[in-house]
C-alpha atoms as a PDB file:
ATOM      1  CA  MET A   1     163.942 114.291 114.146  1.00  0.00           C
ATOM      2  CA  SER A   2     163.278 112.325 110.979  1.00  0.00           C
ATOM      3  CA  ILE A   3     167.049 112.061 110.351  1.00  0.00           C
ATOM      4  CA  ASN A   4     167.549 110.620 113.810  1.00  0.00           C
ATOM      5  CA  THR A   5     164.683 108.134 113.247  1.00  0.00           C
ATOM      6  CA  SER A   6     166.127 107.054 109.901  1.00  0.00           C
ATOM      7  CA  SER A   7     169.519 106.473 111.508  1.00  0.00           C
ATOM      8  CA  ARG A   8     167.883 104.433 114.235  1.00  0.00           C
ATOM      9  CA  ALA A   9     165.930 102.396 111.674  1.00  0.00           C
ATOM     10  CA  LEU A  10     169.109 101.760 109.660  1.00  0.00           C
ATOM     11  CA  LEU A  11     171.022 100.718 112.771  1.00  0.00           C
ATOM     12  CA  THR A  12     168.181  98.415 113.855  1.00  0.00           C
ATOM     13  CA  SER A  13     168.048  96.823 110.398  1.00  0.00           C
ATOM     14  CA  CYS A  14     171.823  96.213 110.407  1.00  0.00           C
ATOM     15  CA  PHE A  15     171.614  94.684 113.880  1.00  0.00           C
ATOM     16  CA  MET A  16     168.788  92.356 112.804  1.00  0.00           C
ATOM     17  CA  LEU A  17     170.690  91.339 109.675  1.00  0.00           C
ATOM     18  CA  LEU A  18     173.817  90.526 111.687  1.00  0.00           C
ATOM     19  CA  THR A  19     171.734  88.560 114.194  1.00  0.00           C
ATOM     20  CA  LEU A  20     170.173  86.467 111.427  1.00  0.00           C
ATOM     21  CA  LEU A  21     173.564  85.915 109.804  1.00  0.00           C
ATOM     22  CA  SER A  22     175.069  84.698 113.070  1.00  0.00           C
ATOM     23  CA  CYS A  23     172.161  82.249 113.492  1.00  0.00           C
ATOM     24  CA  VAL A  24     172.771  80.850 110.012  1.00  0.00           C
ATOM     25  CA  LEU A  25     176.499  80.467 110.646  1.00  0.00           C
ATOM     26  CA  CYS A  26     175.869  78.662 113.944  1.00  0.00           C
ATOM     27  CA  ALA A  27     173.479  76.137 112.400  1.00  0.00           C
ATOM     28  CA  PRO A  28     174.720  72.520 112.308  1.00  0.00           C
ATOM     29  CA  LEU A  29     176.447  71.375 109.147  1.00  0.00           C
ATOM     30  CA  SER A  30     174.522  69.090 106.869  1.00  0.00           C
ATOM     31  CA  ALA A  31     175.613  65.467 106.662  1.00  0.00           C
ATOM     32  CA  VAL A  32     177.287  66.224 103.340  1.00  0.00           C
ATOM     33  CA  MET A  33     179.451  68.946 104.856  1.00  0.00           C
ATOM     34  CA  GLN A  34     180.418  67.132 108.061  1.00  0.00           C
ATOM     35  CA  ARG A  35     184.016  66.009 108.189  1.00  0.00           C
ATOM     36  CA  ASP A  36     185.484  63.010 109.888  1.00  0.00           C
ATOM     37  CA  VAL A  37     188.775  62.691 111.682  1.00  0.00           C
ATOM     38  CA  TRP A  38     190.083  59.148 111.544  1.00  0.00           C
ATOM     39  CA  VAL A  39     193.190  58.370 113.560  1.00  0.00           C
ATOM     40  CA  PRO A  40     193.920  54.659 113.041  1.00  0.00           C
ATOM     41  CA  ALA A  41     196.312  53.229 115.622  1.00  0.00           C
ATOM     42  CA  ILE A  42     199.642  52.082 114.198  1.00  0.00           C
ATOM     43  CA  THR A  43     200.117  48.420 115.134  1.00  0.00           C
ATOM     44  CA  SER A  44     203.585  47.944 113.621  1.00  0.00           C
ATOM     45  CA  PRO A  45     206.319  48.940 114.173  1.00  0.00           C
ATOM     46  CA  THR A  46     206.245  48.686 117.967  1.00  0.00           C
ATOM     47  CA  SER A  47     208.874  49.475 120.581  1.00  0.00           C
ATOM     48  CA  ALA A  48     210.070  45.859 120.168  1.00  0.00           C
ATOM     49  CA  SER A  49     210.717  46.312 116.432  1.00  0.00           C
ATOM     50  CA  ARG A  50     214.257  46.572 115.070  1.00  0.00           C
ATOM     51  CA  TRP A  51     214.767  48.108 111.631  1.00  0.00           C
ATOM     52  CA  THR A  52     217.965  48.646 109.644  1.00  0.00           C
ATOM     53  CA  VAL A  53     219.003  51.406 107.272  1.00  0.00           C
ATOM     54  CA  GLY A  54     218.221  50.367 103.679  1.00  0.00           C
ATOM     55  CA  GLY A  55     215.830  47.609 104.781  1.00  0.00           C
ATOM     56  CA  THR A  56     212.210  47.168 103.698  1.00  0.00           C
ATOM     57  CA  PHE A  57     209.585  46.780 106.420  1.00  0.00           C
ATOM     58  CA  LEU A  58     205.817  46.537 106.786  1.00  0.00           C
ATOM     59  CA  VAL A  59     203.936  49.352 108.535  1.00  0.00           C
ATOM     60  CA  THR A  60     200.464  48.314 109.708  1.00  0.00           C
ATOM     61  CA  TRP A  61     197.529  50.149 111.297  1.00  0.00           C
ATOM     62  CA  ASP A  62     194.082  49.265 112.632  1.00  0.00           C
ATOM     63  CA  THR A  63     191.253  49.917 110.151  1.00  0.00           C
ATOM     64  CA  SER A  64     188.416  48.541 112.314  1.00  0.00           C
ATOM     65  CA  SER A  65     187.223  52.004 113.416  1.00  0.00           C
ATOM     66  CA  LYS A  66     187.063  53.502 109.909  1.00  0.00           C
ATOM     67  CA  PRO A  67     184.213  56.009 109.541  1.00  0.00           C
ATOM     68  CA  SER A  68     181.701  55.661 106.719  1.00  0.00           C
ATOM     69  CA  GLN A  69     183.309  58.591 104.879  1.00  0.00           C
ATOM     70  CA  VAL A  70     187.049  59.185 104.908  1.00  0.00           C
ATOM     71  CA  THR A  71     187.778  62.792 103.967  1.00  0.00           C
ATOM     72  CA  ASN A  72     191.351  62.163 102.854  1.00  0.00           C
ATOM     73  CA  PRO A  73     191.684  58.472 101.911  1.00  0.00           C
ATOM     74  CA  THR A  74     195.258  58.680 100.575  1.00  0.00           C
ATOM     75  CA  GLY A  75     198.079  58.166 103.056  1.00  0.00           C
ATOM     76  CA  LYS A  76     201.706  59.120 103.538  1.00  0.00           C
ATOM     77  CA  ILE A  77     204.316  57.647 105.884  1.00  0.00           C
ATOM     78  CA  TYR A  78     207.140  59.701 107.384  1.00  0.00           C
ATOM     79  CA  LEU A  79     209.968  59.026 109.804  1.00  0.00           C
ATOM     80  CA  ARG A  80     209.968  61.134 112.977  1.00  0.00           C
ATOM     81  CA  TYR A  81     213.088  61.729 115.056  1.00  0.00           C
ATOM     82  CA  GLY A  82     212.620  63.494 118.390  1.00  0.00           C
ATOM     83  CA  ASP A  83     210.206  66.375 117.856  1.00  0.00           C
ATOM     84  CA  ALA A  84     210.776  66.653 114.103  1.00  0.00           C
ATOM     85  CA  THR A  85     209.003  64.808 111.308  1.00  0.00           C
ATOM     86  CA  GLN A  86     211.174  64.438 108.217  1.00  0.00           C
ATOM     87  CA  SER A  87     210.091  66.481 105.218  1.00  0.00           C
ATOM     88  CA  ASN A  88     210.077  63.647 102.651  1.00  0.00           C
ATOM     89  CA  PRO A  89     207.681  60.707 102.994  1.00  0.00           C
ATOM     90  CA  ILE A  90     209.089  57.179 102.833  1.00  0.00           C
ATOM     91  CA  ALA A  91     205.773  55.992 101.342  1.00  0.00           C
ATOM     92  CA  SER A  92     202.856  57.839  99.746  1.00  0.00           C
ATOM     93  CA  GLY A  93     199.855  57.382  97.485  1.00  0.00           C
ATOM     94  CA  PHE A  94     198.420  54.317  99.243  1.00  0.00           C
ATOM     95  CA  ALA A  95     194.844  53.873 100.498  1.00  0.00           C
ATOM     96  CA  LEU A  96     194.424  54.336 104.249  1.00  0.00           C
ATOM     97  CA  THR A  97     191.836  51.570 104.182  1.00  0.00           C
ATOM     98  CA  ASP A  98     194.547  49.050 103.128  1.00  0.00           C
ATOM     99  CA  GLY A  99     195.830  48.885 106.702  1.00  0.00           C
ATOM    100  CA  GLN A 100     199.419  48.295 105.619  1.00  0.00           C
ATOM    101  CA  VAL A 101     202.191  49.469 103.347  1.00  0.00           C
ATOM    102  CA  GLU A 102     205.811  48.445 102.778  1.00  0.00           C
ATOM    103  CA  VAL A 103     208.432  51.119 103.358  1.00  0.00           C
ATOM    104  CA  THR A 104     212.164  51.255 102.741  1.00  0.00           C
ATOM    105  CA  VAL A 105     214.393  53.071 105.213  1.00  0.00           C
ATOM    106  CA  PRO A 106     216.426  55.603 103.188  1.00  0.00           C
ATOM    107  CA  ASP A 107     220.167  54.896 102.956  1.00  0.00           C
ATOM    108  CA  ASP A 108     221.000  58.330 104.400  1.00  0.00           C
ATOM    109  CA  THR A 109     219.039  57.702 107.647  1.00  0.00           C
ATOM    110  CA  THR A 110     221.168  58.186 110.775  1.00  0.00           C
ATOM    111  CA  PRO A 111     220.898  55.165 113.093  1.00  0.00           C
ATOM    112  CA  GLU A 112     218.791  56.358 116.036  1.00  0.00           C
ATOM    113  CA  LYS A 113     215.376  55.888 117.651  1.00  0.00           C
ATOM    114  CA  TYR A 114     212.473  56.921 115.378  1.00  0.00           C
ATOM    115  CA  LYS A 115     208.703  56.869 115.155  1.00  0.00           C
ATOM    116  CA  ILE A 116     206.536  56.253 112.104  1.00  0.00           C
ATOM    117  CA  VAL A 117     204.035  59.007 111.286  1.00  0.00           C
ATOM    118  CA  LEU A 118     200.902  58.083 109.324  1.00  0.00           C
ATOM    119  CA  PHE A 119     199.219  61.011 107.572  1.00  0.00           C
ATOM    120  CA  GLY A 120     195.884  60.962 105.809  1.00  0.00           C
ATOM    121  CA  ASP A 121     192.797  62.159 107.611  1.00  0.00           C
ATOM    122  CA  SER A 122     194.928  62.977 110.626  1.00  0.00           C
ATOM    123  CA  GLY A 123     198.505  62.493 111.740  1.00  0.00           C
ATOM    124  CA  ASN A 124     199.415  59.906 114.315  1.00  0.00           C
ATOM    125  CA  TRP A 125     202.609  58.089 115.180  1.00  0.00           C
ATOM    126  CA  SER A 126     203.919  54.741 116.326  1.00  0.00           C
ATOM    127  CA  ASP A 127     205.889  53.786 119.381  1.00  0.00           C
ATOM    128  CA  GLU A 128     209.549  54.751 119.269  1.00  0.00           C
ATOM    129  CA  PHE A 129     211.785  52.030 117.833  1.00  0.00           C
ATOM    130  CA  PRO A 130     215.458  51.804 116.781  1.00  0.00           C
ATOM    131  CA  ILE A 131     216.746  51.977 113.240  1.00  0.00           C
ATOM    132  CA  ASN A 132     220.212  50.433 113.210  1.00  0.00           C
ATOM    133  CA  ALA A 133     223.081  50.822 110.757  1.00  0.00           C
ATOM    134  CA  ALA A 134     223.203  48.380 107.860  1.00  0.00           C
ATOM    135  CA  THR A 135     225.647  45.550 108.385  1.00  0.00           C
END
């Protein structure tokens, strides 16, 4: 019976170890390890905006709700058509806390309705607005 008792003791020890490990993993993260998710609302362009291919325009967003720590403070701006965000940013390397950045609509952009996507801490997009052909 000593073999059976040893097996039981080993199994009990493993169970206790797993229980303690699960308690540690469920503990709240320290303030240093907590992450924020900041989704600043894009204020421009709006649905009333009219952009043209090749033109330079100002994209703006609200920075009033910025958390004390921004996990990813560097932003990128993309154009989004329908359900697809373009693979190349039209602006990158700017600080999200700036609240604005100038972008140039690429010359190969098909005139259509688009949205602006702001990436940094999180991705969010503007209202849909038209980009018209250059005249």
